[in-house]
Amino acid sequence: MANTEIHKLTHIGDKARPPDKDGQRYMPVVLETYRMTKSGKSHNVHARPIKGQGKFKPSMDAECSRNMRKSHPIGTMFLAWCIVIDREGTDFVYTYHDWPHPVVGK
């Protein structure tokens, strides 16, 4: 699915676009899982946006469903409703863990 098509979505699975949070509109974002050991983290499977998605940069980690990260092979891509949030001066991507996150192809 092309990036321009993704931004036109009104539903992901059975979940309509969530209401705005902190003045931000939830956007459909493709996240991919990757493996890396990080200081202070108890797990080594993380998620990040793929490149070419505007303010959602591949350098940002995503807070998302642990099940999403652990139940699929590394490199799996998912579509999720996301916003950028700041915690202690670091921007990262947020999606609610219980929302749909279907697997998408490259």
C-alpha atoms as a PDB file:
ATOM      1  CA  MET A   1       0.000   0.000   0.000  1.00  0.00           C
ATOM      2  CA  ALA A   2       1.490   3.342  -1.017  1.00  0.00           C
ATOM      3  CA  ASN A   3       2.093   5.945   1.668  1.00  0.00           C
ATOM      4  CA  THR A   4      -0.407   8.339   0.046  1.00  0.00           C
ATOM      5  CA  GLU A   5      -3.071   5.634   0.259  1.00  0.00           C
ATOM      6  CA  ILE A   6      -2.282   4.879   3.899  1.00  0.00           C
ATOM      7  CA  HIS A   7      -2.998   8.439   5.022  1.00  0.00           C
ATOM      8  CA  LYS A   8      -6.505   8.236   3.494  1.00  0.00           C
ATOM      9  CA  LEU A   9      -7.528   5.348   5.768  1.00  0.00           C
ATOM     10  CA  THR A  10     -10.451   5.860   8.120  1.00  0.00           C
ATOM     11  CA  HIS A  11     -10.288   2.387   9.747  1.00  0.00           C
ATOM     12  CA  ILE A  12      -7.581  -0.078  10.714  1.00  0.00           C
ATOM     13  CA  GLY A  13      -9.227  -3.432  11.282  1.00  0.00           C
ATOM     14  CA  ASP A  14     -12.458  -2.591  13.070  1.00  0.00           C
ATOM     15  CA  LYS A  15     -11.013   0.521  14.755  1.00  0.00           C
ATOM     16  CA  ALA A  16     -12.035   3.898  13.329  1.00  0.00           C
ATOM     17  CA  ARG A  17      -9.565   6.764  13.678  1.00  0.00           C
ATOM     18  CA  PRO A  18      -9.350   7.496  17.425  1.00  0.00           C
ATOM     19  CA  PRO A  19     -10.191  10.961  18.735  1.00  0.00           C
ATOM     20  CA  ASP A  20      -7.349  13.474  18.802  1.00  0.00           C
ATOM     21  CA  LYS A  21      -5.060  13.284  21.824  1.00  0.00           C
ATOM     22  CA  ASP A  22      -3.201  16.307  23.198  1.00  0.00           C
ATOM     23  CA  GLY A  23      -4.039  18.232  20.029  1.00  0.00           C
ATOM     24  CA  GLN A  24      -2.651  15.556  17.727  1.00  0.00           C
ATOM     25  CA  ARG A  25      -4.510  13.533  15.158  1.00  0.00           C
ATOM     26  CA  TYR A  26      -3.839   9.783  15.142  1.00  0.00           C
ATOM     27  CA  MET A  27      -2.336   8.778  11.823  1.00  0.00           C
ATOM     28  CA  PRO A  28      -2.035   5.361  10.172  1.00  0.00           C
ATOM     29  CA  VAL A  29       1.655   4.410  10.393  1.00  0.00           C
ATOM     30  CA  VAL A  30       3.573   1.338   9.253  1.00  0.00           C
ATOM     31  CA  LEU A  31       5.764   0.006  12.071  1.00  0.00           C
ATOM     32  CA  GLU A  32       8.423  -2.684  11.743  1.00  0.00           C
ATOM     33  CA  THR A  33       9.985  -4.830  14.422  1.00  0.00           C
ATOM     34  CA  TYR A  34      13.734  -5.040  14.935  1.00  0.00           C
ATOM     35  CA  ARG A  35      16.127  -6.587  17.439  1.00  0.00           C
ATOM     36  CA  MET A  36      18.551  -4.510  19.497  1.00  0.00           C
ATOM     37  CA  THR A  37      19.761  -4.633  23.083  1.00  0.00           C
ATOM     38  CA  LYS A  38      19.191  -1.267  24.742  1.00  0.00           C
ATOM     39  CA  SER A  39      20.296  -0.077  28.144  1.00  0.00           C
ATOM     40  CA  GLY A  40      17.441   0.019  30.622  1.00  0.00           C
ATOM     41  CA  LYS A  41      15.138  -2.189  28.512  1.00  0.00           C
ATOM     42  CA  SER A  42      14.108  -5.659  29.637  1.00  0.00           C
ATOM     43  CA  HIS A  43      13.473  -6.875  26.100  1.00  0.00           C
ATOM     44  CA  ASN A  44      15.384  -6.704  22.834  1.00  0.00           C
ATOM     45  CA  VAL A  45      12.554  -6.677  20.271  1.00  0.00           C
ATOM     46  CA  HIS A  46      11.411  -3.155  19.456  1.00  0.00           C
ATOM     47  CA  ALA A  47       9.242  -1.428  16.851  1.00  0.00           C
ATOM     48  CA  ARG A  48       9.870   1.697  14.770  1.00  0.00           C
ATOM     49  CA  PRO A  49       8.236   3.483  11.835  1.00  0.00           C
ATOM     50  CA  ILE A  50       9.515   2.640   8.366  1.00  0.00           C
ATOM     51  CA  LYS A  51      11.074   5.545   6.432  1.00  0.00           C
ATOM     52  CA  GLY A  52       9.066   8.004   4.365  1.00  0.00           C
ATOM     53  CA  GLN A  53       6.263   8.723   6.854  1.00  0.00           C
ATOM     54  CA  GLY A  54       6.769  12.397   7.615  1.00  0.00           C
ATOM     55  CA  LYS A  55       7.191  13.138  11.317  1.00  0.00           C
ATOM     56  CA  PHE A  56       7.223   9.397  12.109  1.00  0.00           C
ATOM     57  CA  LYS A  57      10.964   8.743  11.731  1.00  0.00           C
ATOM     58  CA  PRO A  58      12.762   5.359  11.730  1.00  0.00           C
ATOM     59  CA  SER A  59      15.022   6.701  14.484  1.00  0.00           C
ATOM     60  CA  MET A  60      12.020   6.813  16.858  1.00  0.00           C
ATOM     61  CA  ASP A  61      10.986   3.839  18.948  1.00  0.00           C
ATOM     62  CA  ALA A  62       7.319   2.908  19.144  1.00  0.00           C
ATOM     63  CA  GLU A  63       5.448   2.126  22.341  1.00  0.00           C
ATOM     64  CA  CYS A  64       3.114  -0.636  21.215  1.00  0.00           C
ATOM     65  CA  SER A  65       1.726  -4.083  21.948  1.00  0.00           C
ATOM     66  CA  ARG A  66       4.276  -6.520  23.384  1.00  0.00           C
ATOM     67  CA  ASN A  67       2.300  -9.318  21.743  1.00  0.00           C
ATOM     68  CA  MET A  68       2.692  -7.591  18.358  1.00  0.00           C
ATOM     69  CA  ARG A  69       6.461  -7.520  18.785  1.00  0.00           C
ATOM     70  CA  LYS A  70       6.894 -11.033  20.160  1.00  0.00           C
ATOM     71  CA  SER A  71       4.444 -13.128  18.121  1.00  0.00           C
ATOM     72  CA  HIS A  72       5.887 -12.357  14.677  1.00  0.00           C
ATOM     73  CA  PRO A  73       9.366 -12.662  13.114  1.00  0.00           C
ATOM     74  CA  ILE A  74      11.778  -9.725  13.299  1.00  0.00           C
ATOM     75  CA  GLY A  75      11.164  -7.383  10.352  1.00  0.00           C
ATOM     76  CA  THR A  76       7.393  -7.905  10.320  1.00  0.00           C
ATOM     77  CA  MET A  77       5.505  -4.725   9.440  1.00  0.00           C
ATOM     78  CA  PHE A  78       2.233  -3.648  11.017  1.00  0.00           C
ATOM     79  CA  LEU A  79      -0.266  -0.875  10.371  1.00  0.00           C
ATOM     80  CA  ALA A  80      -1.347   1.043  13.484  1.00  0.00           C
ATOM     81  CA  TRP A  81      -2.969   4.296  14.580  1.00  0.00           C
ATOM     82  CA  CYS A  82      -0.107   6.420  15.986  1.00  0.00           C
ATOM     83  CA  ILE A  83       0.851   9.800  17.385  1.00  0.00           C
ATOM     84  CA  VAL A  84       4.214  11.255  18.431  1.00  0.00           C
ATOM     85  CA  ILE A  85       4.579  11.854  22.159  1.00  0.00           C
ATOM     86  CA  ASP A  86       7.362  13.267  24.291  1.00  0.00           C
ATOM     87  CA  ARG A  87       8.519  11.592  27.463  1.00  0.00           C
ATOM     88  CA  GLU A  88      11.294  13.274  29.375  1.00  0.00           C
ATOM     89  CA  GLY A  89      12.541  15.132  26.292  1.00  0.00           C
ATOM     90  CA  THR A  90      12.525  12.157  23.893  1.00  0.00           C
ATOM     91  CA  ASP A  91      10.006  11.893  21.059  1.00  0.00           C
ATOM     92  CA  PHE A  92       8.625   8.477  20.287  1.00  0.00           C
ATOM     93  CA  VAL A  93       5.676   6.903  18.535  1.00  0.00           C
ATOM     94  CA  TYR A  94       2.684   5.759  20.564  1.00  0.00           C
ATOM     95  CA  THR A  95      -0.136   3.366  19.707  1.00  0.00           C
ATOM     96  CA  TYR A  96      -2.526   1.776  22.184  1.00  0.00           C
ATOM     97  CA  HIS A  97      -1.577  -1.871  22.795  1.00  0.00           C
ATOM     98  CA  ASP A  98      -5.111  -3.231  22.392  1.00  0.00           C
ATOM     99  CA  TRP A  99      -5.965  -1.621  19.035  1.00  0.00           C
ATOM    100  CA  PRO A 100      -5.788  -3.645  15.806  1.00  0.00           C
ATOM    101  CA  HIS A 101      -2.352  -3.820  14.180  1.00  0.00           C
ATOM    102  CA  PRO A 102      -2.681  -5.935  11.036  1.00  0.00           C
ATOM    103  CA  VAL A 103       0.441  -7.271   9.330  1.00  0.00           C
ATOM    104  CA  VAL A 104       1.205  -5.520   6.038  1.00  0.00           C
ATOM    105  CA  GLY A 105       3.549  -6.394   3.181  1.00  0.00           C
ATOM    106  CA  LYS A 106       6.495  -4.414   1.869  1.00  0.00           C
END
